[in-house]
N, C-alpha and C. Protein backbone atom coordinates (compact mmCIF):
# COMPACT_ATOMS: atom_id res chain seq x y z
N UNK A 1 2.46 -32.75 -1.03
CA UNK A 1 2.59 -31.31 -0.86
C UNK A 1 3.04 -30.97 0.56
N UNK A 2 3.09 -31.93 1.48
CA UNK A 2 3.40 -31.62 2.87
C UNK A 2 4.86 -31.27 3.11
N UNK A 3 5.63 -31.08 2.05
CA UNK A 3 7.02 -30.70 2.24
C UNK A 3 7.30 -29.25 1.86
N UNK A 4 6.24 -28.47 1.58
CA UNK A 4 6.41 -27.04 1.27
C UNK A 4 5.48 -26.19 2.10
N UNK A 5 5.94 -24.98 2.38
CA UNK A 5 5.11 -24.02 3.07
C UNK A 5 5.44 -22.63 2.54
N UNK A 6 4.72 -21.64 3.05
CA UNK A 6 4.87 -20.27 2.58
C UNK A 6 5.07 -19.35 3.78
N UNK A 7 5.88 -18.35 3.59
CA UNK A 7 6.04 -17.31 4.61
C UNK A 7 6.16 -15.94 3.97
N UNK A 8 5.82 -14.95 4.75
CA UNK A 8 6.11 -13.55 4.43
C UNK A 8 6.94 -13.01 5.58
N UNK A 9 8.04 -12.36 5.28
CA UNK A 9 8.73 -11.58 6.29
C UNK A 9 8.05 -10.22 6.24
N UNK A 10 7.50 -9.82 7.37
CA UNK A 10 6.59 -8.67 7.41
C UNK A 10 7.34 -7.33 7.39
N UNK A 11 6.59 -6.25 7.09
CA UNK A 11 7.22 -4.93 6.88
C UNK A 11 8.15 -4.46 7.99
N UNK A 12 7.79 -4.66 9.25
CA UNK A 12 8.66 -4.13 10.31
C UNK A 12 9.97 -4.88 10.39
N UNK A 13 9.95 -6.17 10.09
CA UNK A 13 11.18 -6.96 10.12
C UNK A 13 12.08 -6.58 8.95
N UNK A 14 11.48 -6.31 7.79
CA UNK A 14 12.26 -5.84 6.64
C UNK A 14 12.86 -4.48 6.96
N UNK A 15 12.04 -3.56 7.47
CA UNK A 15 12.50 -2.19 7.77
C UNK A 15 13.60 -2.19 8.82
N UNK A 16 13.54 -3.12 9.77
CA UNK A 16 14.55 -3.18 10.83
C UNK A 16 15.85 -3.84 10.38
N UNK A 17 15.89 -4.31 9.14
CA UNK A 17 17.10 -4.95 8.63
C UNK A 17 17.28 -6.38 9.09
N UNK A 18 16.18 -7.05 9.43
CA UNK A 18 16.26 -8.41 9.96
C UNK A 18 16.05 -9.51 8.92
N UNK A 19 15.88 -9.14 7.66
CA UNK A 19 15.63 -10.13 6.62
C UNK A 19 16.71 -11.20 6.57
N UNK A 20 17.96 -10.80 6.54
CA UNK A 20 19.07 -11.76 6.46
C UNK A 20 19.12 -12.67 7.67
N UNK A 21 18.91 -12.11 8.85
CA UNK A 21 18.93 -12.92 10.08
C UNK A 21 17.79 -13.94 10.07
N UNK A 22 16.62 -13.51 9.62
CA UNK A 22 15.47 -14.42 9.57
C UNK A 22 15.72 -15.52 8.55
N UNK A 23 16.19 -15.16 7.36
CA UNK A 23 16.48 -16.18 6.35
C UNK A 23 17.57 -17.14 6.83
N UNK A 24 18.58 -16.62 7.52
CA UNK A 24 19.63 -17.47 8.06
C UNK A 24 19.06 -18.46 9.07
N UNK A 25 18.16 -18.01 9.92
CA UNK A 25 17.53 -18.90 10.90
C UNK A 25 16.69 -19.97 10.21
N UNK A 26 15.99 -19.57 9.16
CA UNK A 26 15.17 -20.53 8.39
C UNK A 26 16.06 -21.60 7.76
N UNK A 27 17.13 -21.18 7.12
CA UNK A 27 18.06 -22.13 6.51
C UNK A 27 18.73 -22.99 7.58
N UNK A 28 19.08 -22.39 8.69
CA UNK A 28 19.70 -23.12 9.79
C UNK A 28 18.80 -24.18 10.39
N UNK A 29 17.49 -24.00 10.24
CA UNK A 29 16.51 -24.97 10.73
C UNK A 29 16.26 -26.08 9.70
N UNK A 30 17.00 -26.07 8.61
CA UNK A 30 16.91 -27.15 7.63
C UNK A 30 15.96 -26.91 6.48
N UNK A 31 15.39 -25.73 6.37
CA UNK A 31 14.52 -25.42 5.23
C UNK A 31 15.36 -25.07 4.02
N UNK A 32 14.83 -25.39 2.84
CA UNK A 32 15.43 -24.99 1.58
C UNK A 32 14.54 -23.91 0.96
N UNK A 33 15.16 -22.88 0.42
CA UNK A 33 14.41 -21.83 -0.28
C UNK A 33 14.10 -22.31 -1.68
N UNK A 34 12.83 -22.30 -2.06
CA UNK A 34 12.43 -22.70 -3.41
C UNK A 34 11.99 -21.50 -4.24
N UNK A 35 11.64 -20.38 -3.57
CA UNK A 35 11.29 -19.14 -4.26
C UNK A 35 11.41 -18.01 -3.25
N UNK A 36 11.83 -16.84 -3.73
CA UNK A 36 12.05 -15.70 -2.84
C UNK A 36 11.90 -14.42 -3.64
N UNK A 37 11.15 -13.45 -3.10
CA UNK A 37 11.05 -12.15 -3.76
C UNK A 37 10.57 -11.10 -2.77
N UNK A 38 11.02 -9.86 -3.03
CA UNK A 38 10.55 -8.71 -2.26
C UNK A 38 9.44 -8.04 -3.06
N UNK A 39 8.33 -7.75 -2.38
CA UNK A 39 7.21 -7.08 -3.02
C UNK A 39 6.60 -6.07 -2.07
N UNK A 40 5.94 -5.08 -2.63
CA UNK A 40 5.12 -4.15 -1.85
C UNK A 40 3.68 -4.51 -2.13
N UNK A 41 2.94 -4.82 -1.08
CA UNK A 41 1.54 -5.22 -1.26
C UNK A 41 0.66 -4.01 -1.53
N UNK A 42 -0.18 -4.13 -2.55
CA UNK A 42 -1.23 -3.13 -2.75
C UNK A 42 -2.36 -3.46 -1.78
N UNK A 43 -3.26 -2.53 -1.59
CA UNK A 43 -4.40 -2.79 -0.72
C UNK A 43 -5.19 -3.99 -1.24
N UNK A 44 -5.45 -4.06 -2.54
CA UNK A 44 -6.21 -5.18 -3.10
C UNK A 44 -5.53 -6.52 -2.84
N UNK A 45 -4.22 -6.55 -3.02
CA UNK A 45 -3.48 -7.80 -2.81
C UNK A 45 -3.50 -8.21 -1.33
N UNK A 46 -3.34 -7.25 -0.44
CA UNK A 46 -3.39 -7.54 0.99
C UNK A 46 -4.78 -8.00 1.41
N UNK A 47 -5.82 -7.37 0.86
CA UNK A 47 -7.19 -7.78 1.17
C UNK A 47 -7.45 -9.21 0.72
N UNK A 48 -6.95 -9.57 -0.44
CA UNK A 48 -7.12 -10.95 -0.93
C UNK A 48 -6.38 -11.92 -0.02
N UNK A 49 -5.14 -11.58 0.32
CA UNK A 49 -4.33 -12.47 1.15
C UNK A 49 -4.96 -12.68 2.53
N UNK A 50 -5.50 -11.63 3.12
CA UNK A 50 -6.06 -11.71 4.47
C UNK A 50 -7.59 -11.74 4.48
N UNK A 51 -8.21 -12.19 3.39
CA UNK A 51 -9.67 -12.22 3.29
C UNK A 51 -10.32 -13.00 4.43
N UNK A 52 -9.65 -14.02 4.93
CA UNK A 52 -10.20 -14.83 6.02
C UNK A 52 -10.45 -13.99 7.28
N UNK A 53 -9.75 -12.87 7.41
CA UNK A 53 -9.89 -12.01 8.60
C UNK A 53 -10.80 -10.81 8.36
N UNK A 54 -11.47 -10.75 7.22
CA UNK A 54 -12.25 -9.57 6.83
C UNK A 54 -13.23 -9.10 7.91
N UNK A 55 -13.84 -9.98 8.63
CA UNK A 55 -14.84 -9.61 9.64
C UNK A 55 -14.24 -9.35 11.03
N UNK A 56 -12.95 -9.54 11.17
CA UNK A 56 -12.31 -9.37 12.47
C UNK A 56 -12.07 -7.89 12.77
N UNK A 57 -12.10 -7.51 14.03
CA UNK A 57 -11.94 -6.09 14.37
C UNK A 57 -10.57 -5.50 14.01
N UNK A 58 -9.57 -6.34 13.88
CA UNK A 58 -8.21 -5.86 13.57
C UNK A 58 -7.93 -5.77 12.08
N UNK A 59 -8.88 -6.14 11.24
CA UNK A 59 -8.65 -6.26 9.80
C UNK A 59 -8.09 -4.99 9.16
N UNK A 60 -8.72 -3.85 9.37
CA UNK A 60 -8.26 -2.61 8.73
C UNK A 60 -6.85 -2.24 9.15
N UNK A 61 -6.52 -2.41 10.43
CA UNK A 61 -5.17 -2.13 10.88
C UNK A 61 -4.17 -3.11 10.27
N UNK A 62 -4.57 -4.37 10.12
CA UNK A 62 -3.71 -5.37 9.50
C UNK A 62 -3.41 -5.00 8.05
N UNK A 63 -4.44 -4.61 7.32
CA UNK A 63 -4.25 -4.23 5.91
C UNK A 63 -3.34 -3.00 5.81
N UNK A 64 -3.59 -2.02 6.66
CA UNK A 64 -2.74 -0.82 6.66
C UNK A 64 -1.29 -1.15 6.97
N UNK A 65 -1.10 -2.01 7.93
CA UNK A 65 0.26 -2.42 8.31
C UNK A 65 0.95 -3.19 7.19
N UNK A 66 0.26 -4.16 6.60
CA UNK A 66 0.89 -5.00 5.58
C UNK A 66 1.16 -4.24 4.28
N UNK A 67 0.55 -3.09 4.09
CA UNK A 67 0.82 -2.27 2.91
C UNK A 67 1.77 -1.11 3.24
N UNK A 68 2.30 -1.08 4.46
CA UNK A 68 3.14 0.04 4.90
C UNK A 68 4.59 -0.03 4.42
N UNK A 69 5.00 -1.16 3.88
CA UNK A 69 6.36 -1.30 3.40
C UNK A 69 6.53 -2.64 2.72
N UNK A 70 7.69 -2.88 2.13
CA UNK A 70 7.90 -4.15 1.42
C UNK A 70 7.91 -5.35 2.35
N UNK A 71 7.55 -6.49 1.78
CA UNK A 71 7.62 -7.79 2.46
C UNK A 71 8.48 -8.72 1.62
N UNK A 72 8.96 -9.77 2.24
CA UNK A 72 9.70 -10.80 1.52
C UNK A 72 8.83 -12.05 1.50
N UNK A 73 8.48 -12.51 0.32
CA UNK A 73 7.67 -13.73 0.16
C UNK A 73 8.61 -14.89 -0.15
N UNK A 74 8.32 -16.05 0.45
CA UNK A 74 9.19 -17.21 0.23
C UNK A 74 8.42 -18.51 0.27
N UNK A 75 8.80 -19.42 -0.60
CA UNK A 75 8.35 -20.80 -0.56
C UNK A 75 9.50 -21.59 0.06
N UNK A 76 9.18 -22.33 1.11
CA UNK A 76 10.17 -23.10 1.85
C UNK A 76 9.88 -24.58 1.71
N UNK A 77 10.92 -25.39 1.74
CA UNK A 77 10.75 -26.83 1.60
C UNK A 77 11.51 -27.55 2.70
N UNK A 78 10.87 -28.55 3.24
CA UNK A 78 11.44 -29.41 4.29
C UNK A 78 10.38 -30.46 4.59
N UNK A 79 10.77 -31.64 5.03
CA UNK A 79 9.78 -32.60 5.48
C UNK A 79 8.95 -31.95 6.59
N UNK A 80 7.63 -32.16 6.56
CA UNK A 80 6.73 -31.61 7.57
C UNK A 80 6.83 -30.08 7.65
N UNK A 81 6.92 -29.44 6.50
CA UNK A 81 7.23 -28.01 6.40
C UNK A 81 6.28 -27.10 7.16
N UNK A 82 4.98 -27.29 7.02
CA UNK A 82 4.02 -26.39 7.66
C UNK A 82 4.19 -26.42 9.17
N UNK A 83 4.14 -27.60 9.75
CA UNK A 83 4.25 -27.72 11.21
C UNK A 83 5.62 -27.25 11.71
N UNK A 84 6.67 -27.63 11.01
CA UNK A 84 8.01 -27.23 11.45
C UNK A 84 8.21 -25.72 11.36
N UNK A 85 7.67 -25.10 10.30
CA UNK A 85 7.84 -23.65 10.21
C UNK A 85 6.99 -22.93 11.25
N UNK A 86 5.81 -23.42 11.51
CA UNK A 86 4.98 -22.80 12.55
C UNK A 86 5.68 -22.89 13.91
N UNK A 87 6.36 -23.99 14.15
CA UNK A 87 7.12 -24.14 15.40
C UNK A 87 8.29 -23.15 15.43
N UNK A 88 8.99 -23.00 14.31
CA UNK A 88 10.10 -22.05 14.22
C UNK A 88 9.60 -20.61 14.36
N UNK A 89 8.46 -20.30 13.77
CA UNK A 89 7.89 -18.95 13.85
C UNK A 89 7.51 -18.61 15.29
N UNK A 90 6.87 -19.53 15.98
CA UNK A 90 6.45 -19.29 17.36
C UNK A 90 5.06 -18.70 17.47
N UNK A 91 4.64 -18.47 18.68
CA UNK A 91 3.33 -17.91 19.00
C UNK A 91 3.17 -16.55 18.31
N UNK A 92 1.95 -16.23 17.88
CA UNK A 92 1.71 -14.95 17.22
C UNK A 92 1.97 -13.77 18.15
N UNK A 93 1.94 -13.98 19.45
CA UNK A 93 2.30 -12.95 20.42
C UNK A 93 3.76 -13.16 20.80
N UNK A 94 4.66 -12.31 20.33
CA UNK A 94 6.08 -12.51 20.61
C UNK A 94 6.41 -12.66 22.10
N UNK A 95 5.64 -12.00 22.96
CA UNK A 95 5.89 -12.10 24.40
C UNK A 95 5.60 -13.50 24.93
N UNK A 96 4.74 -14.24 24.23
CA UNK A 96 4.38 -15.60 24.65
C UNK A 96 5.11 -16.67 23.83
N UNK A 97 5.87 -16.25 22.83
CA UNK A 97 6.59 -17.20 21.97
C UNK A 97 7.80 -17.76 22.72
N UNK A 98 8.15 -18.99 22.39
CA UNK A 98 9.30 -19.62 23.01
C UNK A 98 10.59 -18.92 22.61
N UNK A 99 11.57 -18.97 23.51
CA UNK A 99 12.90 -18.42 23.21
C UNK A 99 13.44 -19.05 21.93
N UNK A 100 14.09 -18.24 21.13
CA UNK A 100 14.71 -18.73 19.91
C UNK A 100 13.80 -18.73 18.69
N UNK A 101 12.48 -18.58 18.88
CA UNK A 101 11.59 -18.54 17.73
C UNK A 101 11.72 -17.20 17.01
N UNK A 102 11.33 -17.17 15.76
CA UNK A 102 11.44 -15.96 14.97
C UNK A 102 10.64 -14.81 15.55
N UNK A 103 9.44 -15.10 16.00
CA UNK A 103 8.60 -14.03 16.54
C UNK A 103 9.13 -13.52 17.87
N UNK A 104 9.69 -14.38 18.69
CA UNK A 104 10.29 -13.94 19.95
C UNK A 104 11.51 -13.06 19.68
N UNK A 105 12.32 -13.48 18.71
CA UNK A 105 13.55 -12.76 18.41
C UNK A 105 13.32 -11.44 17.66
N UNK A 106 12.35 -11.44 16.73
CA UNK A 106 12.23 -10.30 15.83
C UNK A 106 10.89 -9.58 15.87
N UNK A 107 9.89 -10.10 16.56
CA UNK A 107 8.58 -9.47 16.64
C UNK A 107 8.47 -8.52 17.81
N UNK A 108 7.47 -7.65 17.75
CA UNK A 108 7.25 -6.70 18.85
C UNK A 108 5.88 -6.84 19.49
N UNK A 109 4.87 -7.24 18.72
CA UNK A 109 3.52 -7.45 19.24
C UNK A 109 2.76 -8.37 18.29
N UNK A 110 1.48 -8.61 18.57
CA UNK A 110 0.74 -9.60 17.78
C UNK A 110 0.58 -9.21 16.31
N UNK A 111 0.56 -7.93 15.98
CA UNK A 111 0.48 -7.53 14.58
C UNK A 111 1.87 -7.44 13.96
N UNK A 112 2.81 -6.91 14.70
CA UNK A 112 4.19 -6.74 14.22
C UNK A 112 5.02 -7.93 14.71
N UNK A 113 4.68 -9.11 14.19
CA UNK A 113 5.30 -10.33 14.72
C UNK A 113 6.27 -10.99 13.74
N UNK A 114 6.85 -10.19 12.88
CA UNK A 114 7.99 -10.55 12.02
C UNK A 114 7.67 -11.44 10.83
N UNK A 115 6.92 -12.52 11.01
CA UNK A 115 6.69 -13.45 9.90
C UNK A 115 5.26 -13.97 9.88
N UNK A 116 4.81 -14.27 8.69
CA UNK A 116 3.57 -15.01 8.49
C UNK A 116 3.94 -16.48 8.35
N UNK A 117 3.12 -17.37 8.91
CA UNK A 117 3.34 -18.80 8.79
C UNK A 117 2.03 -19.47 8.36
N UNK A 118 2.03 -20.11 7.22
CA UNK A 118 0.83 -20.81 6.73
C UNK A 118 0.38 -21.84 7.75
N UNK A 119 -0.95 -22.04 7.84
CA UNK A 119 -1.49 -22.94 8.86
C UNK A 119 -1.86 -24.33 8.34
N UNK A 120 -1.73 -24.55 7.03
CA UNK A 120 -2.04 -25.87 6.47
C UNK A 120 -1.38 -26.00 5.11
N UNK A 121 -1.27 -27.23 4.64
CA UNK A 121 -0.72 -27.46 3.30
C UNK A 121 -1.55 -26.75 2.25
N UNK A 122 -2.87 -26.86 2.37
CA UNK A 122 -3.77 -26.24 1.41
C UNK A 122 -3.60 -24.72 1.38
N UNK A 123 -3.58 -24.09 2.57
CA UNK A 123 -3.42 -22.64 2.62
C UNK A 123 -2.04 -22.21 2.13
N UNK A 124 -1.02 -23.01 2.43
CA UNK A 124 0.33 -22.67 1.96
C UNK A 124 0.34 -22.55 0.44
N UNK A 125 -0.22 -23.53 -0.23
CA UNK A 125 -0.26 -23.50 -1.71
C UNK A 125 -1.09 -22.30 -2.20
N UNK A 126 -2.26 -22.08 -1.61
CA UNK A 126 -3.09 -20.94 -2.01
C UNK A 126 -2.33 -19.63 -1.83
N UNK A 127 -1.58 -19.53 -0.74
CA UNK A 127 -0.85 -18.30 -0.45
C UNK A 127 0.33 -18.11 -1.40
N UNK A 128 1.14 -19.14 -1.62
CA UNK A 128 2.30 -18.92 -2.50
C UNK A 128 1.85 -18.69 -3.94
N UNK A 129 0.71 -19.25 -4.34
CA UNK A 129 0.22 -19.01 -5.70
C UNK A 129 -0.19 -17.55 -5.92
N UNK A 130 -0.38 -16.80 -4.85
CA UNK A 130 -0.67 -15.37 -4.97
C UNK A 130 0.60 -14.55 -5.25
N UNK A 131 1.75 -15.17 -5.05
CA UNK A 131 3.02 -14.47 -5.20
C UNK A 131 3.94 -15.04 -6.28
N UNK A 132 3.81 -16.33 -6.57
CA UNK A 132 4.75 -16.99 -7.47
C UNK A 132 4.02 -17.81 -8.53
N UNK A 133 4.57 -17.82 -9.73
CA UNK A 133 4.11 -18.75 -10.75
C UNK A 133 4.85 -20.07 -10.53
N UNK A 134 4.37 -21.13 -11.15
CA UNK A 134 5.04 -22.43 -11.01
C UNK A 134 6.47 -22.38 -11.52
N UNK A 135 6.72 -21.59 -12.57
CA UNK A 135 8.07 -21.52 -13.12
C UNK A 135 9.03 -20.74 -12.22
N UNK A 136 8.51 -19.97 -11.28
CA UNK A 136 9.37 -19.23 -10.35
C UNK A 136 9.80 -20.08 -9.16
N UNK A 137 9.19 -21.23 -9.00
CA UNK A 137 9.51 -22.11 -7.88
C UNK A 137 10.45 -23.19 -8.38
N UNK A 138 11.64 -23.23 -7.82
CA UNK A 138 12.64 -24.18 -8.29
C UNK A 138 12.55 -25.49 -7.53
N UNK A 139 12.90 -26.55 -8.20
CA UNK A 139 12.98 -27.88 -7.58
C UNK A 139 14.43 -28.33 -7.47
N UNK A 140 15.34 -27.46 -7.84
CA UNK A 140 16.75 -27.81 -7.82
C UNK A 140 17.26 -27.86 -6.39
N UNK A 141 18.03 -28.90 -6.08
CA UNK A 141 18.63 -29.04 -4.76
C UNK A 141 20.02 -28.43 -4.78
N UNK A 142 20.18 -27.33 -4.07
CA UNK A 142 21.46 -26.63 -4.00
C UNK A 142 22.24 -26.98 -2.75
N UNK A 143 21.84 -28.03 -2.06
CA UNK A 143 22.45 -28.36 -0.77
C UNK A 143 23.87 -28.92 -0.90
N UNK A 144 24.27 -29.30 -2.10
CA UNK A 144 25.60 -29.86 -2.30
C UNK A 144 25.67 -31.35 -2.00
N UNK A 145 24.53 -31.94 -1.67
CA UNK A 145 24.51 -33.37 -1.34
C UNK A 145 24.53 -34.22 -2.59
């Protein structure tokens, strides 16, 4: 399972028209898209997705933000996918993220940081299963190789 991960392109990045640029950067980094969809999170769905943060002081603002507009959910594939995508995403604080990372390029602050990046293989699977059925995830290689 260590060759797949999950991401959400967050509401502010979608609203700013950065979806294509973010997907292009992901593909340019060698990831393959295995599933992709635009969804609007309900409060219940956002609460389930971010349940791990329920006791944190920022939780209510996070839920409000993540339900404020559509997100793009994606299953990505690449060797060492979780670690490589976290490196591509960058620090959760865009001001502290390395140049060229998604959060540095497209984020504005720690909440509005453009993309979600799964932190483990186990969490990646749990997260994508909230958005995709197994039949929605393709195993077809479209790379032309």
